Amino acid sequence: MENQQIIADALKELNYKENKVARILANGKTEFVGIIIPDLYHHYYSEMLSRILSTYETFGYKFLVFVGDKSEETERRYIQELLSYKIEGMIILNHTIPSEELARLPIPIVTIEREDQYISSVNADNYMGGYQATGLLARHHYDILIHINPPTPENVPAYGRLKGFSDFCREFHLKHEVILKDFGHSYKVAQSQPVTVLEHIDAAYSGQKKGIFVSNDTHANALLNLLVRRFGHLPDDYLIVGFDNSPISREAILPIGTVGQQIDKLAYEATALLVEQMNERKKRNPFPWSIRFTRS
C-alpha cells in the first residue's frame, strides 16, 4: 500500500498522462465503437445519436460516427474506414446493406430499427405503436383516417406502423387511406413533398374531418408547418399524430401528438447488447489482432 502511494504521488508530481496508444498495443483493445447513421435531419436519428454517445459514462467506449447518404457503395467504404481504426464493434441504423452481409464482418454488430434476420437488433414495438396512434385518432371521430409512410419493406420493423394502422381501421371498419410517400432526408426536400400530399388530401376529402398519422415526428412537423402557413392556424378539420416522441414533437409551433418510442432506452439497450457481445468475443479471442516480430 505504501509503495502504491509513493507511485501515485510520483505520477501526480510528474503530471503523468496515460499513453493510450501504448495501452492499445499492449492489450489489443481500442475502446472504439463505430456508428453509421442515415442522416441528422430526422430528429429521431439526431436524438438517438445523442443518447448513444451519452453511454460513454456508463460503458467507457468512445465512438467514431459516419453519416450515410443512402448509398451501399458509400456505406461499405465507411465500414472499411471504421475497421481500419480497429474498432471493437459497430452500431448501424442505415438500411442500405443487408444483414446477411453485415453478419460476415469480423466484429460484433448491433442494429437499431432495421432489417435484422442475421444480426442482433434492438427495435420498438412498431405494430402496437401504429395501432395505438390510430386508436387516438379514432377516438376523435374523424371522417377519414390517413397514414403517411415512406415505402417500407415488410422485413423492416417500421413496417409494423403501417400494419398496425391498417389492422385497426379494418377491425373497426373505419374509412382510411395509406399514402406511401417519402418526404425525404433533408430540409429542402421535406418542404416540397408534403405539398403534393396535402393537395391530394384536400381534393379527395374536402369538407371532411381528417385524422392523419405520420410515420415520424419530423415529417409530421413538416406537414403541420405547411398547414399553419397556409391557413394561419391548424384547421379544425385536421388532426396530426406523429411517431417517435422526439424533441420536435414538443418544440413544434403546436405540440404534436406522438407515440413514444423511448429513444433513450433503445440507445442504451443497443449499446449494452453490443458491449456484451464485445466482451464475449474478448473472452474467446483476447486480442483482436496480432503483432508478430521477426528477426532479420
C-alpha atoms as a PDB file:
ATOM      1  CA  MET A   1       0.000   0.000   0.000  1.00  0.00           C
ATOM      2  CA  GLU A   2       2.872   2.363   0.898  1.00  0.00           C
ATOM      3  CA  ASN A   3       4.603   1.652  -2.421  1.00  0.00           C
ATOM      4  CA  GLN A   4       1.359   2.297  -4.326  1.00  0.00           C
ATOM      5  CA  GLN A   5       1.042   5.688  -2.627  1.00  0.00           C
ATOM      6  CA  ILE A   6       4.651   6.551  -3.474  1.00  0.00           C
ATOM      7  CA  ILE A   7       3.969   5.679  -7.135  1.00  0.00           C
ATOM      8  CA  ALA A   8       0.722   7.662  -7.141  1.00  0.00           C
ATOM      9  CA  ASP A   9       2.434  10.732  -5.659  1.00  0.00           C
ATOM     10  CA  ALA A  10       5.242  10.480  -8.214  1.00  0.00           C
ATOM     11  CA  LEU A  11       2.812  10.255 -11.104  1.00  0.00           C
ATOM     12  CA  LYS A  12       0.957  13.295  -9.814  1.00  0.00           C
ATOM     13  CA  GLU A  13       4.159  15.289  -9.342  1.00  0.00           C
ATOM     14  CA  LEU A  14       5.357  14.419 -12.847  1.00  0.00           C
ATOM     15  CA  ASN A  15       1.907  15.267 -14.307  1.00  0.00           C
ATOM     16  CA  TYR A  16       1.842  11.813 -15.926  1.00  0.00           C
ATOM     17  CA  LYS A  17      -0.576  11.321 -18.805  1.00  0.00           C
ATOM     18  CA  GLU A  18      -1.536   7.815 -19.863  1.00  0.00           C
ATOM     19  CA  ASN A  19      -0.250   6.816 -23.291  1.00  0.00           C
ATOM     20  CA  LYS A  20      -3.417   5.343 -24.772  1.00  0.00           C
ATOM     21  CA  VAL A  21      -1.665   4.220 -27.969  1.00  0.00           C
ATOM     22  CA  ALA A  22       0.789   2.158 -25.921  1.00  0.00           C
ATOM     23  CA  ARG A  23      -2.075   0.639 -23.966  1.00  0.00           C
ATOM     24  CA  ILE A  24      -3.858  -0.324 -27.195  1.00  0.00           C
ATOM     25  CA  LEU A  25      -0.707  -2.021 -28.477  1.00  0.00           C
ATOM     26  CA  ALA A  26      -0.307  -3.823 -25.147  1.00  0.00           C
ATOM     27  CA  ASN A  27      -3.800  -5.210 -24.702  1.00  0.00           C
ATOM     28  CA  GLY A  28      -5.312  -5.010 -28.196  1.00  0.00           C
ATOM     29  CA  LYS A  29      -8.327  -3.005 -27.017  1.00  0.00           C
ATOM     30  CA  THR A  30      -9.069   0.277 -28.794  1.00  0.00           C
ATOM     31  CA  GLU A  31     -12.257   1.030 -26.821  1.00  0.00           C
ATOM     32  CA  PHE A  32     -13.753   2.483 -30.013  1.00  0.00           C
ATOM     33  CA  VAL A  33     -17.178   1.671 -31.460  1.00  0.00           C
ATOM     34  CA  GLY A  34     -18.307   2.717 -34.930  1.00  0.00           C
ATOM     35  CA  ILE A  35     -21.715   4.222 -35.677  1.00  0.00           C
ATOM     36  CA  ILE A  36     -23.318   4.589 -39.097  1.00  0.00           C
ATOM     37  CA  ILE A  37     -26.475   6.683 -39.097  1.00  0.00           C
ATOM     38  CA  PRO A  38     -28.635   7.633 -42.120  1.00  0.00           C
ATOM     39  CA  ASP A  39     -28.871  11.397 -41.530  1.00  0.00           C
ATOM     40  CA  LEU A  40     -29.119  14.088 -38.884  1.00  0.00           C
ATOM     41  CA  TYR A  41     -32.145  15.833 -40.417  1.00  0.00           C
ATOM     42  CA  HIS A  42     -34.620  13.467 -38.801  1.00  0.00           C
ATOM     43  CA  HIS A  43     -34.889  14.381 -35.146  1.00  0.00           C
ATOM     44  CA  TYR A  44     -35.199  10.694 -34.283  1.00  0.00           C
ATOM     45  CA  TYR A  45     -31.696   9.979 -35.605  1.00  0.00           C
ATOM     46  CA  SER A  46     -30.071  13.031 -34.038  1.00  0.00           C
ATOM     47  CA  GLU A  47     -31.665  12.230 -30.680  1.00  0.00           C
ATOM     48  CA  MET A  48     -30.682   8.557 -30.990  1.00  0.00           C
ATOM     49  CA  LEU A  49     -27.081   9.524 -31.727  1.00  0.00           C
ATOM     50  CA  SER A  50     -27.011  11.872 -28.736  1.00  0.00           C
ATOM     51  CA  ARG A  51     -28.310   9.111 -26.473  1.00  0.00           C
ATOM     52  CA  ILE A  52     -25.801   6.554 -27.758  1.00  0.00           C
ATOM     53  CA  LEU A  53     -22.913   8.962 -27.231  1.00  0.00           C
ATOM     54  CA  SER A  54     -24.064   9.596 -23.673  1.00  0.00           C
ATOM     55  CA  THR A  55     -23.477   5.916 -22.799  1.00  0.00           C
ATOM     56  CA  TYR A  56     -19.737   6.665 -22.647  1.00  0.00           C
ATOM     57  CA  GLU A  57     -20.154   7.467 -18.947  1.00  0.00           C
ATOM     58  CA  THR A  58     -21.617   4.002 -18.348  1.00  0.00           C
ATOM     59  CA  PHE A  59     -19.605   1.730 -20.632  1.00  0.00           C
ATOM     60  CA  GLY A  60     -16.425   3.718 -21.314  1.00  0.00           C
ATOM     61  CA  TYR A  61     -16.489   3.218 -25.091  1.00  0.00           C
ATOM     62  CA  LYS A  62     -15.752   6.092 -27.451  1.00  0.00           C
ATOM     63  CA  PHE A  63     -17.459   6.467 -30.820  1.00  0.00           C
ATOM     64  CA  LEU A  64     -16.499   7.142 -34.428  1.00  0.00           C
ATOM     65  CA  VAL A  65     -19.550   8.363 -36.361  1.00  0.00           C
ATOM     66  CA  PHE A  66     -20.308   8.357 -40.078  1.00  0.00           C
ATOM     67  CA  VAL A  67     -23.483   9.840 -41.561  1.00  0.00           C
ATOM     68  CA  GLY A  68     -24.676   7.821 -44.555  1.00  0.00           C
ATOM     69  CA  ASP A  69     -26.110   9.032 -47.859  1.00  0.00           C
ATOM     70  CA  LYS A  70     -28.376   6.069 -48.760  1.00  0.00           C
ATOM     71  CA  SER A  71     -25.660   4.544 -50.955  1.00  0.00           C
ATOM     72  CA  GLU A  72     -24.490   0.957 -50.484  1.00  0.00           C
ATOM     73  CA  GLU A  73     -21.120   1.798 -52.011  1.00  0.00           C
ATOM     74  CA  THR A  74     -20.627   4.723 -49.633  1.00  0.00           C
ATOM     75  CA  GLU A  75     -21.688   2.699 -46.605  1.00  0.00           C
ATOM     76  CA  ARG A  76     -19.278  -0.117 -47.484  1.00  0.00           C
ATOM     77  CA  ARG A  77     -16.495   2.457 -47.744  1.00  0.00           C
ATOM     78  CA  TYR A  78     -17.455   3.855 -44.333  1.00  0.00           C
ATOM     79  CA  ILE A  79     -17.381   0.367 -42.836  1.00  0.00           C
ATOM     80  CA  GLN A  80     -13.897  -0.308 -44.201  1.00  0.00           C
ATOM     81  CA  GLU A  81     -12.717   3.056 -42.885  1.00  0.00           C
ATOM     82  CA  LEU A  82     -14.074   2.239 -39.429  1.00  0.00           C
ATOM     83  CA  LEU A  83     -12.487  -1.230 -39.481  1.00  0.00           C
ATOM     84  CA  SER A  84      -9.130   0.356 -40.294  1.00  0.00           C
ATOM     85  CA  TYR A  85      -9.320   2.109 -36.927  1.00  0.00           C
ATOM     86  CA  LYS A  86      -9.584  -1.305 -35.244  1.00  0.00           C
ATOM     87  CA  ILE A  87     -12.992  -0.588 -33.755  1.00  0.00           C
ATOM     88  CA  GLU A  88     -14.287  -3.318 -31.462  1.00  0.00           C
ATOM     89  CA  GLY A  89     -17.912  -3.221 -32.589  1.00  0.00           C
ATOM     90  CA  MET A  90     -20.439  -1.276 -34.633  1.00  0.00           C
ATOM     91  CA  ILE A  91     -23.961   0.146 -34.254  1.00  0.00           C
ATOM     92  CA  ILE A  92     -25.792   0.610 -37.556  1.00  0.00           C
ATOM     93  CA  LEU A  93     -29.058   2.430 -38.214  1.00  0.00           C
ATOM     94  CA  ASN A  94     -28.723   2.608 -42.020  1.00  0.00           C
ATOM     95  CA  HIS A  95     -30.900   0.356 -44.151  1.00  0.00           C
ATOM     96  CA  THR A  96     -28.749   0.022 -47.258  1.00  0.00           C
ATOM     97  CA  ILE A  97     -26.691  -3.148 -46.675  1.00  0.00           C
ATOM     98  CA  PRO A  98     -28.469  -6.486 -45.991  1.00  0.00           C
ATOM     99  CA  SER A  99     -27.986  -8.021 -42.563  1.00  0.00           C
ATOM    100  CA  GLU A 100     -26.579 -11.189 -44.153  1.00  0.00           C
ATOM    101  CA  GLU A 101     -23.623  -9.159 -45.432  1.00  0.00           C
ATOM    102  CA  LEU A 102     -23.182  -7.303 -42.136  1.00  0.00           C
ATOM    103  CA  ALA A 103     -23.090 -10.634 -40.290  1.00  0.00           C
ATOM    104  CA  ARG A 104     -19.905 -11.534 -42.177  1.00  0.00           C
ATOM    105  CA  LEU A 105     -17.967  -8.586 -40.740  1.00  0.00           C
ATOM    106  CA  PRO A 106     -15.185  -9.582 -38.314  1.00  0.00           C
ATOM    107  CA  ILE A 107     -16.630  -7.641 -35.358  1.00  0.00           C
ATOM    108  CA  PRO A 108     -19.902  -7.688 -33.384  1.00  0.00           C
ATOM    109  CA  ILE A 109     -22.732  -5.699 -34.999  1.00  0.00           C
ATOM    110  CA  VAL A 110     -25.921  -4.399 -33.401  1.00  0.00           C
ATOM    111  CA  THR A 111     -28.555  -2.548 -35.388  1.00  0.00           C
ATOM    112  CA  ILE A 112     -31.494  -0.374 -34.369  1.00  0.00           C
ATOM    113  CA  GLU A 113     -34.853  -0.495 -36.161  1.00  0.00           C
ATOM    114  CA  ARG A 114     -33.721  -2.143 -39.379  1.00  0.00           C
ATOM    115  CA  GLU A 115     -33.854  -5.487 -41.187  1.00  0.00           C
ATOM    116  CA  ASP A 116     -32.158  -7.923 -38.813  1.00  0.00           C
ATOM    117  CA  GLN A 117     -32.569 -11.505 -39.980  1.00  0.00           C
ATOM    118  CA  TYR A 118     -28.888 -12.382 -39.473  1.00  0.00           C
ATOM    119  CA  ILE A 119     -27.736  -9.953 -36.780  1.00  0.00           C
ATOM    120  CA  SER A 120     -28.724  -8.664 -33.356  1.00  0.00           C
ATOM    121  CA  SER A 121     -31.092  -5.706 -33.310  1.00  0.00           C
ATOM    122  CA  VAL A 122     -32.983  -3.534 -30.850  1.00  0.00           C
ATOM    123  CA  ASN A 123     -36.446  -2.474 -32.002  1.00  0.00           C
ATOM    124  CA  ALA A 124     -39.538  -0.819 -30.610  1.00  0.00           C
ATOM    125  CA  ASP A 125     -42.994  -2.410 -30.842  1.00  0.00           C
ATOM    126  CA  ASN A 126     -43.852  -0.598 -34.045  1.00  0.00           C
ATOM    127  CA  TYR A 127     -47.048  -2.545 -34.616  1.00  0.00           C
ATOM    128  CA  MET A 128     -48.547  -1.639 -31.256  1.00  0.00           C
ATOM    129  CA  GLY A 129     -47.362   1.949 -31.694  1.00  0.00           C
ATOM    130  CA  GLY A 130     -49.168   2.195 -35.040  1.00  0.00           C
ATOM    131  CA  TYR A 131     -52.254   0.565 -33.554  1.00  0.00           C
ATOM    132  CA  GLN A 132     -52.309   2.999 -30.619  1.00  0.00           C
ATOM    133  CA  ALA A 133     -51.765   6.065 -32.830  1.00  0.00           C
ATOM    134  CA  THR A 134     -54.734   5.027 -34.956  1.00  0.00           C
ATOM    135  CA  GLY A 135     -56.825   4.482 -31.845  1.00  0.00           C
ATOM    136  CA  LEU A 136     -56.028   8.017 -30.697  1.00  0.00           C
ATOM    137  CA  LEU A 137     -57.283   9.420 -33.984  1.00  0.00           C
ATOM    138  CA  ALA A 138     -60.367   7.173 -33.952  1.00  0.00           C
ATOM    139  CA  ARG A 139     -61.467   8.482 -30.548  1.00  0.00           C
ATOM    140  CA  HIS A 140     -61.926  11.920 -32.103  1.00  0.00           C
ATOM    141  CA  HIS A 141     -64.427  10.503 -34.643  1.00  0.00           C
ATOM    142  CA  TYR A 142     -62.801  11.847 -37.789  1.00  0.00           C
ATOM    143  CA  ASP A 143     -64.400  11.039 -41.152  1.00  0.00           C
ATOM    144  CA  ILE A 144     -61.250   9.673 -42.758  1.00  0.00           C
ATOM    145  CA  LEU A 145     -58.062   8.302 -41.217  1.00  0.00           C
ATOM    146  CA  ILE A 146     -54.882   8.671 -43.260  1.00  0.00           C
ATOM    147  CA  HIS A 147     -51.450   7.149 -42.709  1.00  0.00           C
ATOM    148  CA  ILE A 148     -48.419   8.718 -44.433  1.00  0.00           C
ATOM    149  CA  ASN A 149     -45.401   6.436 -44.574  1.00  0.00           C
ATOM    150  CA  PRO A 150     -42.405   6.087 -46.905  1.00  0.00           C
ATOM    151  CA  PRO A 151     -42.403   2.852 -48.926  1.00  0.00           C
ATOM    152  CA  THR A 152     -41.166   0.298 -46.380  1.00  0.00           C
ATOM    153  CA  PRO A 153     -40.270  -3.383 -46.921  1.00  0.00           C
ATOM    154  CA  GLU A 154     -42.131  -5.829 -44.696  1.00  0.00           C
ATOM    155  CA  ASN A 155     -38.893  -7.083 -43.119  1.00  0.00           C
ATOM    156  CA  VAL A 156     -38.096  -3.619 -41.705  1.00  0.00           C
ATOM    157  CA  PRO A 157     -39.505  -3.116 -38.168  1.00  0.00           C
ATOM    158  CA  ALA A 158     -41.083   0.255 -39.057  1.00  0.00           C
ATOM    159  CA  TYR A 159     -43.441  -1.591 -41.417  1.00  0.00           C
ATOM    160  CA  GLY A 160     -45.329  -2.515 -38.253  1.00  0.00           C
ATOM    161  CA  ARG A 161     -46.605   1.065 -38.016  1.00  0.00           C
ATOM    162  CA  LEU A 162     -48.342   0.714 -41.346  1.00  0.00           C
ATOM    163  CA  LYS A 163     -49.745  -2.717 -40.471  1.00  0.00           C
ATOM    164  CA  GLY A 164     -50.945  -1.532 -37.059  1.00  0.00           C
ATOM    165  CA  PHE A 165     -52.792   1.349 -38.710  1.00  0.00           C
ATOM    166  CA  SER A 166     -54.380  -0.844 -41.368  1.00  0.00           C
ATOM    167  CA  ASP A 167     -55.394  -3.587 -38.923  1.00  0.00           C
ATOM    168  CA  PHE A 168     -57.063  -1.131 -36.550  1.00  0.00           C
ATOM    169  CA  CYS A 169     -59.037   0.508 -39.362  1.00  0.00           C
ATOM    170  CA  ARG A 170     -60.187  -2.832 -40.736  1.00  0.00           C
ATOM    171  CA  GLU A 171     -61.050  -4.177 -37.302  1.00  0.00           C
ATOM    172  CA  PHE A 172     -63.336  -1.226 -36.546  1.00  0.00           C
ATOM    173  CA  HIS A 173     -64.490  -0.702 -40.139  1.00  0.00           C
ATOM    174  CA  LEU A 174     -63.086   2.808 -40.411  1.00  0.00           C
ATOM    175  CA  LYS A 175     -62.684   4.664 -43.682  1.00  0.00           C
ATOM    176  CA  HIS A 176     -58.954   5.017 -44.276  1.00  0.00           C
ATOM    177  CA  GLU A 177     -56.168   5.527 -46.787  1.00  0.00           C
ATOM    178  CA  VAL A 178     -52.464   4.738 -46.759  1.00  0.00           C
ATOM    179  CA  ILE A 179     -50.259   7.210 -48.626  1.00  0.00           C
ATOM    180  CA  LEU A 180     -46.800   5.825 -49.421  1.00  0.00           C
ATOM    181  CA  LYS A 181     -44.665   8.910 -49.852  1.00  0.00           C
ATOM    182  CA  ASP A 182     -41.100   9.595 -48.800  1.00  0.00           C
ATOM    183  CA  PHE A 183     -40.767  13.161 -47.537  1.00  0.00           C
ATOM    184  CA  GLY A 184     -37.003  12.932 -47.963  1.00  0.00           C
ATOM    185  CA  HIS A 185     -33.951  13.246 -45.749  1.00  0.00           C
ATOM    186  CA  SER A 186     -33.193  16.953 -46.000  1.00  0.00           C
ATOM    187  CA  TYR A 187     -34.938  20.198 -45.180  1.00  0.00           C
ATOM    188  CA  LYS A 188     -35.150  21.225 -48.843  1.00  0.00           C
ATOM    189  CA  VAL A 189     -36.870  18.037 -49.997  1.00  0.00           C
ATOM    190  CA  ALA A 190     -39.161  17.922 -46.963  1.00  0.00           C
ATOM    191  CA  GLN A 191     -40.548  21.336 -47.841  1.00  0.00           C
ATOM    192  CA  SER A 192     -41.752  20.248 -51.272  1.00  0.00           C
ATOM    193  CA  GLN A 193     -43.040  16.693 -50.825  1.00  0.00           C
ATOM    194  CA  PRO A 194     -45.787  17.454 -48.254  1.00  0.00           C
ATOM    195  CA  VAL A 195     -47.306  19.981 -50.684  1.00  0.00           C
ATOM    196  CA  THR A 196     -48.376  17.287 -53.153  1.00  0.00           C
ATOM    197  CA  VAL A 197     -49.683  15.084 -50.321  1.00  0.00           C
ATOM    198  CA  LEU A 198     -51.734  17.921 -48.855  1.00  0.00           C
ATOM    199  CA  GLU A 199     -53.145  18.815 -52.268  1.00  0.00           C
ATOM    200  CA  HIS A 200     -54.307  15.224 -52.697  1.00  0.00           C
ATOM    201  CA  ILE A 201     -55.899  15.124 -49.220  1.00  0.00           C
ATOM    202  CA  ASP A 202     -57.683  18.455 -49.723  1.00  0.00           C
ATOM    203  CA  ALA A 203     -59.054  17.381 -53.108  1.00  0.00           C
ATOM    204  CA  ALA A 204     -60.098  13.873 -52.048  1.00  0.00           C
ATOM    205  CA  TYR A 205     -61.617  14.728 -48.644  1.00  0.00           C
ATOM    206  CA  SER A 206     -62.819  18.316 -48.897  1.00  0.00           C
ATOM    207  CA  GLY A 207     -65.253  19.158 -46.101  1.00  0.00           C
ATOM    208  CA  GLN A 208     -64.399  16.011 -44.137  1.00  0.00           C
ATOM    209  CA  LYS A 209     -62.577  15.767 -40.800  1.00  0.00           C
ATOM    210  CA  LYS A 210     -59.170  14.244 -41.454  1.00  0.00           C
ATOM    211  CA  GLY A 211     -57.092  12.381 -38.871  1.00  0.00           C
ATOM    212  CA  ILE A 212     -53.525  11.914 -40.109  1.00  0.00           C
ATOM    213  CA  PHE A 213     -50.940   9.532 -38.661  1.00  0.00           C
ATOM    214  CA  VAL A 214     -47.458  10.382 -39.970  1.00  0.00           C
ATOM    215  CA  SER A 215     -44.689   7.793 -39.606  1.00  0.00           C
ATOM    216  CA  ASN A 216     -42.277  10.109 -37.761  1.00  0.00           C
ATOM    217  CA  ASP A 217     -42.320  13.388 -35.860  1.00  0.00           C
ATOM    218  CA  THR A 218     -40.029  15.262 -38.278  1.00  0.00           C
ATOM    219  CA  HIS A 219     -42.388  14.747 -41.208  1.00  0.00           C
ATOM    220  CA  ALA A 220     -45.442  15.325 -39.008  1.00  0.00           C
ATOM    221  CA  ASN A 221     -43.935  18.704 -38.113  1.00  0.00           C
ATOM    222  CA  ALA A 222     -43.303  19.479 -41.804  1.00  0.00           C
ATOM    223  CA  LEU A 223     -46.969  18.804 -42.568  1.00  0.00           C
ATOM    224  CA  LEU A 224     -48.091  20.866 -39.572  1.00  0.00           C
ATOM    225  CA  ASN A 225     -45.931  23.828 -40.651  1.00  0.00           C
ATOM    226  CA  LEU A 226     -47.401  23.682 -44.150  1.00  0.00           C
ATOM    227  CA  LEU A 227     -50.950  23.776 -42.809  1.00  0.00           C
ATOM    228  CA  VAL A 228     -50.217  26.658 -40.428  1.00  0.00           C
ATOM    229  CA  ARG A 229     -48.530  28.677 -43.196  1.00  0.00           C
ATOM    230  CA  ARG A 230     -51.484  28.081 -45.492  1.00  0.00           C
ATOM    231  CA  PHE A 231     -54.303  28.829 -43.047  1.00  0.00           C
ATOM    232  CA  GLY A 232     -52.608  30.811 -40.278  1.00  0.00           C
ATOM    233  CA  HIS A 233     -53.561  28.069 -37.805  1.00  0.00           C
ATOM    234  CA  LEU A 234     -54.228  24.331 -37.699  1.00  0.00           C
ATOM    235  CA  PRO A 235     -57.706  23.930 -39.218  1.00  0.00           C
ATOM    236  CA  ASP A 236     -60.351  22.236 -37.068  1.00  0.00           C
ATOM    237  CA  ASP A 237     -60.818  19.518 -39.690  1.00  0.00           C
ATOM    238  CA  TYR A 238     -57.218  18.291 -39.293  1.00  0.00           C
ATOM    239  CA  LEU A 239     -55.622  16.276 -36.508  1.00  0.00           C
ATOM    240  CA  ILE A 240     -51.991  15.108 -36.787  1.00  0.00           C
ATOM    241  CA  VAL A 241     -50.228  12.368 -34.818  1.00  0.00           C
ATOM    242  CA  GLY A 242     -46.542  11.509 -35.260  1.00  0.00           C
ATOM    243  CA  PHE A 243     -44.268   8.722 -34.081  1.00  0.00           C
ATOM    244  CA  ASP A 244     -41.007   8.680 -32.058  1.00  0.00           C
ATOM    245  CA  ASN A 245     -41.620  11.208 -29.267  1.00  0.00           C
ATOM    246  CA  SER A 246     -38.510  13.049 -30.473  1.00  0.00           C
ATOM    247  CA  PRO A 247     -37.921  16.616 -29.191  1.00  0.00           C
ATOM    248  CA  ILE A 248     -39.529  18.181 -32.280  1.00  0.00           C
ATOM    249  CA  SER A 249     -42.941  16.855 -31.195  1.00  0.00           C
ATOM    250  CA  ARG A 250     -42.767  19.162 -28.153  1.00  0.00           C
ATOM    251  CA  GLU A 251     -40.924  22.055 -29.797  1.00  0.00           C
ATOM    252  CA  ALA A 252     -43.154  22.389 -32.892  1.00  0.00           C
ATOM    253  CA  ILE A 253     -45.209  25.544 -33.407  1.00  0.00           C
ATOM    254  CA  LEU A 254     -48.066  23.495 -31.976  1.00  0.00           C
ATOM    255  CA  PRO A 255     -47.232  20.412 -29.878  1.00  0.00           C
ATOM    256  CA  ILE A 256     -47.751  17.274 -31.962  1.00  0.00           C
ATOM    257  CA  GLY A 257     -49.427  14.202 -30.561  1.00  0.00           C
ATOM    258  CA  THR A 258     -46.945  11.347 -30.840  1.00  0.00           C
ATOM    259  CA  VAL A 259     -46.294   7.739 -29.919  1.00  0.00           C
ATOM    260  CA  GLY A 260     -43.389   7.407 -27.504  1.00  0.00           C
ATOM    261  CA  GLN A 261     -40.608   5.188 -28.832  1.00  0.00           C
ATOM    262  CA  GLN A 262     -38.360   5.510 -25.747  1.00  0.00           C
ATOM    263  CA  ILE A 263     -35.306   6.514 -27.735  1.00  0.00           C
ATOM    264  CA  ASP A 264     -33.186   6.655 -24.593  1.00  0.00           C
ATOM    265  CA  LYS A 265     -33.908   3.000 -23.794  1.00  0.00           C
ATOM    266  CA  LEU A 266     -33.346   1.861 -27.386  1.00  0.00           C
ATOM    267  CA  ALA A 267     -29.947   3.589 -27.422  1.00  0.00           C
ATOM    268  CA  TYR A 268     -28.924   2.207 -24.055  1.00  0.00           C
ATOM    269  CA  GLU A 269     -30.036  -1.360 -24.797  1.00  0.00           C
ATOM    270  CA  ALA A 270     -28.319  -1.359 -28.189  1.00  0.00           C
ATOM    271  CA  THR A 271     -25.047  -0.206 -26.633  1.00  0.00           C
ATOM    272  CA  ALA A 272     -25.367  -2.638 -23.720  1.00  0.00           C
ATOM    273  CA  LEU A 273     -26.025  -5.529 -26.125  1.00  0.00           C
ATOM    274  CA  LEU A 274     -23.006  -4.580 -28.228  1.00  0.00           C
ATOM    275  CA  VAL A 275     -20.767  -4.316 -25.152  1.00  0.00           C
ATOM    276  CA  GLU A 276     -21.954  -7.761 -24.026  1.00  0.00           C
ATOM    277  CA  GLN A 277     -21.064  -9.228 -27.417  1.00  0.00           C
ATOM    278  CA  MET A 278     -17.674  -7.498 -27.473  1.00  0.00           C
ATOM    279  CA  ASN A 279     -16.865  -8.809 -24.001  1.00  0.00           C
ATOM    280  CA  GLU A 280     -17.794 -12.343 -25.032  1.00  0.00           C
ATOM    281  CA  ARG A 281     -15.585 -12.013 -28.098  1.00  0.00           C
ATOM    282  CA  LYS A 282     -12.649 -10.903 -25.931  1.00  0.00           C
ATOM    283  CA  LYS A 283     -13.059 -13.987 -23.753  1.00  0.00           C
ATOM    284  CA  ARG A 284     -12.752 -16.247 -26.793  1.00  0.00           C
ATOM    285  CA  ASN A 285     -10.079 -14.171 -28.522  1.00  0.00           C
ATOM    286  CA  PRO A 286      -8.415 -11.693 -26.164  1.00  0.00           C
ATOM    287  CA  PHE A 287      -6.524  -9.893 -28.926  1.00  0.00           C
ATOM    288  CA  PRO A 288      -8.497  -8.576 -31.945  1.00  0.00           C
ATOM    289  CA  TRP A 289      -5.304  -8.625 -33.978  1.00  0.00           C
ATOM    290  CA  SER A 290      -1.783  -9.940 -33.533  1.00  0.00           C
ATOM    291  CA  ILE A 291       1.608  -8.276 -33.832  1.00  0.00           C
ATOM    292  CA  ARG A 292       4.465 -10.523 -34.935  1.00  0.00           C
ATOM    293  CA  PHE A 293       8.116  -9.589 -34.676  1.00  0.00           C
ATOM    294  CA  THR A 294      10.690 -11.345 -36.840  1.00  0.00           C
ATOM    295  CA  ARG A 295      14.451 -11.331 -36.717  1.00  0.00           C
ATOM    296  CA  SER A 296      16.217 -10.090 -39.827  1.00  0.00           C
END
